């Protein structure tokens, strides 16, 4: 499990926990309010919790920047 904390510059703050997914990709838990599955360069799929398009964009941009 890996832990990330970041602020994209728009006044929001994100705390992410990541875990390798059994089905490929990485599970991303956002502040215990939403769960996503990330596949580098391909997609960020919402799995459950509170959906927010701005959160989706922030997580996607951050994970892609990690390289």
C-alpha atoms as a PDB file:
ATOM      1  CA  UNK A   1       0.000   0.000   0.000  1.00  0.00           C
ATOM      2  CA  UNK A   2       1.236   3.462  -0.896  1.00  0.00           C
ATOM      3  CA  UNK A   3       0.050   6.780   0.500  1.00  0.00           C
ATOM      4  CA  UNK A   4      -0.075  10.093  -1.408  1.00  0.00           C
ATOM      5  CA  UNK A   5      -1.205  13.521  -0.286  1.00  0.00           C
ATOM      6  CA  UNK A   6      -1.430  16.435  -2.736  1.00  0.00           C
ATOM      7  CA  UNK A   7      -3.099  19.753  -3.480  1.00  0.00           C
ATOM      8  CA  UNK A   8      -3.668  20.459  -7.183  1.00  0.00           C
ATOM      9  CA  UNK A   9      -3.706  24.244  -6.650  1.00  0.00           C
ATOM     10  CA  UNK A  10      -7.449  24.892  -6.660  1.00  0.00           C
ATOM     11  CA  UNK A  11      -7.885  24.855  -2.875  1.00  0.00           C
ATOM     12  CA  UNK A  12      -8.655  21.146  -2.590  1.00  0.00           C
ATOM     13  CA  UNK A  13      -6.592  18.496  -0.837  1.00  0.00           C
ATOM     14  CA  UNK A  14      -6.511  14.797  -1.659  1.00  0.00           C
ATOM     15  CA  UNK A  15      -5.324  11.844   0.390  1.00  0.00           C
ATOM     16  CA  UNK A  16      -4.921   8.676  -1.680  1.00  0.00           C
ATOM     17  CA  UNK A  17      -4.109   5.118  -0.692  1.00  0.00           C
ATOM     18  CA  UNK A  18      -3.152   2.804  -3.558  1.00  0.00           C
ATOM     19  CA  UNK A  19      -3.127  -0.985  -3.688  1.00  0.00           C
ATOM     20  CA  UNK A  20      -2.306  -3.259  -6.653  1.00  0.00           C
ATOM     21  CA  UNK A  21      -5.552  -4.694  -8.035  1.00  0.00           C
ATOM     22  CA  UNK A  22      -5.971  -8.423  -8.441  1.00  0.00           C
ATOM     23  CA  UNK A  23      -7.617  -7.727 -11.830  1.00  0.00           C
ATOM     24  CA  UNK A  24      -4.883  -5.438 -13.137  1.00  0.00           C
ATOM     25  CA  UNK A  25      -4.288  -1.780 -12.522  1.00  0.00           C
ATOM     26  CA  UNK A  26      -4.203  -0.050  -9.168  1.00  0.00           C
ATOM     27  CA  UNK A  27      -7.027   0.459  -6.685  1.00  0.00           C
ATOM     28  CA  UNK A  28      -7.138   4.067  -5.501  1.00  0.00           C
ATOM     29  CA  UNK A  29      -8.981   4.961  -2.297  1.00  0.00           C
ATOM     30  CA  UNK A  30      -9.701   8.679  -2.057  1.00  0.00           C
ATOM     31  CA  UNK A  31     -10.126   9.997   1.495  1.00  0.00           C
ATOM     32  CA  UNK A  32     -12.284   6.985   2.371  1.00  0.00           C
ATOM     33  CA  UNK A  33     -15.081   8.485   0.252  1.00  0.00           C
ATOM     34  CA  UNK A  34     -14.555   6.872  -3.152  1.00  0.00           C
ATOM     35  CA  UNK A  35     -12.845   3.905  -4.764  1.00  0.00           C
ATOM     36  CA  UNK A  36     -11.353   3.890  -8.264  1.00  0.00           C
ATOM     37  CA  UNK A  37      -9.343   1.488 -10.445  1.00  0.00           C
ATOM     38  CA  UNK A  38      -6.525   3.158 -12.359  1.00  0.00           C
ATOM     39  CA  UNK A  39      -4.798   1.827 -15.487  1.00  0.00           C
ATOM     40  CA  UNK A  40      -1.813   3.967 -16.504  1.00  0.00           C
ATOM     41  CA  UNK A  41      -2.351   5.762 -19.791  1.00  0.00           C
ATOM     42  CA  UNK A  42      -5.761   4.153 -20.295  1.00  0.00           C
ATOM     43  CA  UNK A  43      -8.514   4.901 -17.770  1.00  0.00           C
ATOM     44  CA  UNK A  44      -9.612   5.694 -14.253  1.00  0.00           C
ATOM     45  CA  UNK A  45     -12.789   3.757 -13.504  1.00  0.00           C
ATOM     46  CA  UNK A  46     -15.129   4.783 -10.686  1.00  0.00           C
ATOM     47  CA  UNK A  47     -16.043   1.743  -8.573  1.00  0.00           C
ATOM     48  CA  UNK A  48     -18.061   3.041  -5.599  1.00  0.00           C
ATOM     49  CA  UNK A  49     -18.610   5.875  -3.128  1.00  0.00           C
ATOM     50  CA  UNK A  50     -19.171   9.536  -3.901  1.00  0.00           C
ATOM     51  CA  UNK A  51     -18.564  10.348  -7.586  1.00  0.00           C
ATOM     52  CA  UNK A  52     -17.181  13.785  -8.429  1.00  0.00           C
ATOM     53  CA  UNK A  53     -15.857  14.695 -11.874  1.00  0.00           C
ATOM     54  CA  UNK A  54     -13.296  17.122 -10.397  1.00  0.00           C
ATOM     55  CA  UNK A  55     -11.968  14.420  -8.097  1.00  0.00           C
ATOM     56  CA  UNK A  56     -11.752  12.071 -11.078  1.00  0.00           C
ATOM     57  CA  UNK A  57      -9.743  14.619 -13.054  1.00  0.00           C
ATOM     58  CA  UNK A  58      -7.424  15.399 -10.102  1.00  0.00           C
ATOM     59  CA  UNK A  59      -6.713  11.713  -9.403  1.00  0.00           C
ATOM     60  CA  UNK A  60      -6.138  10.967 -13.098  1.00  0.00           C
ATOM     61  CA  UNK A  61      -3.751  13.905 -13.563  1.00  0.00           C
ATOM     62  CA  UNK A  62      -1.820  13.070 -10.389  1.00  0.00           C
ATOM     63  CA  UNK A  63      -1.452   9.366 -11.117  1.00  0.00           C
ATOM     64  CA  UNK A  64      -0.369  10.035 -14.707  1.00  0.00           C
ATOM     65  CA  UNK A  65       2.230  12.554 -13.501  1.00  0.00           C
ATOM     66  CA  UNK A  66       3.758   9.960 -11.170  1.00  0.00           C
ATOM     67  CA  UNK A  67       5.029   8.175 -14.283  1.00  0.00           C
END
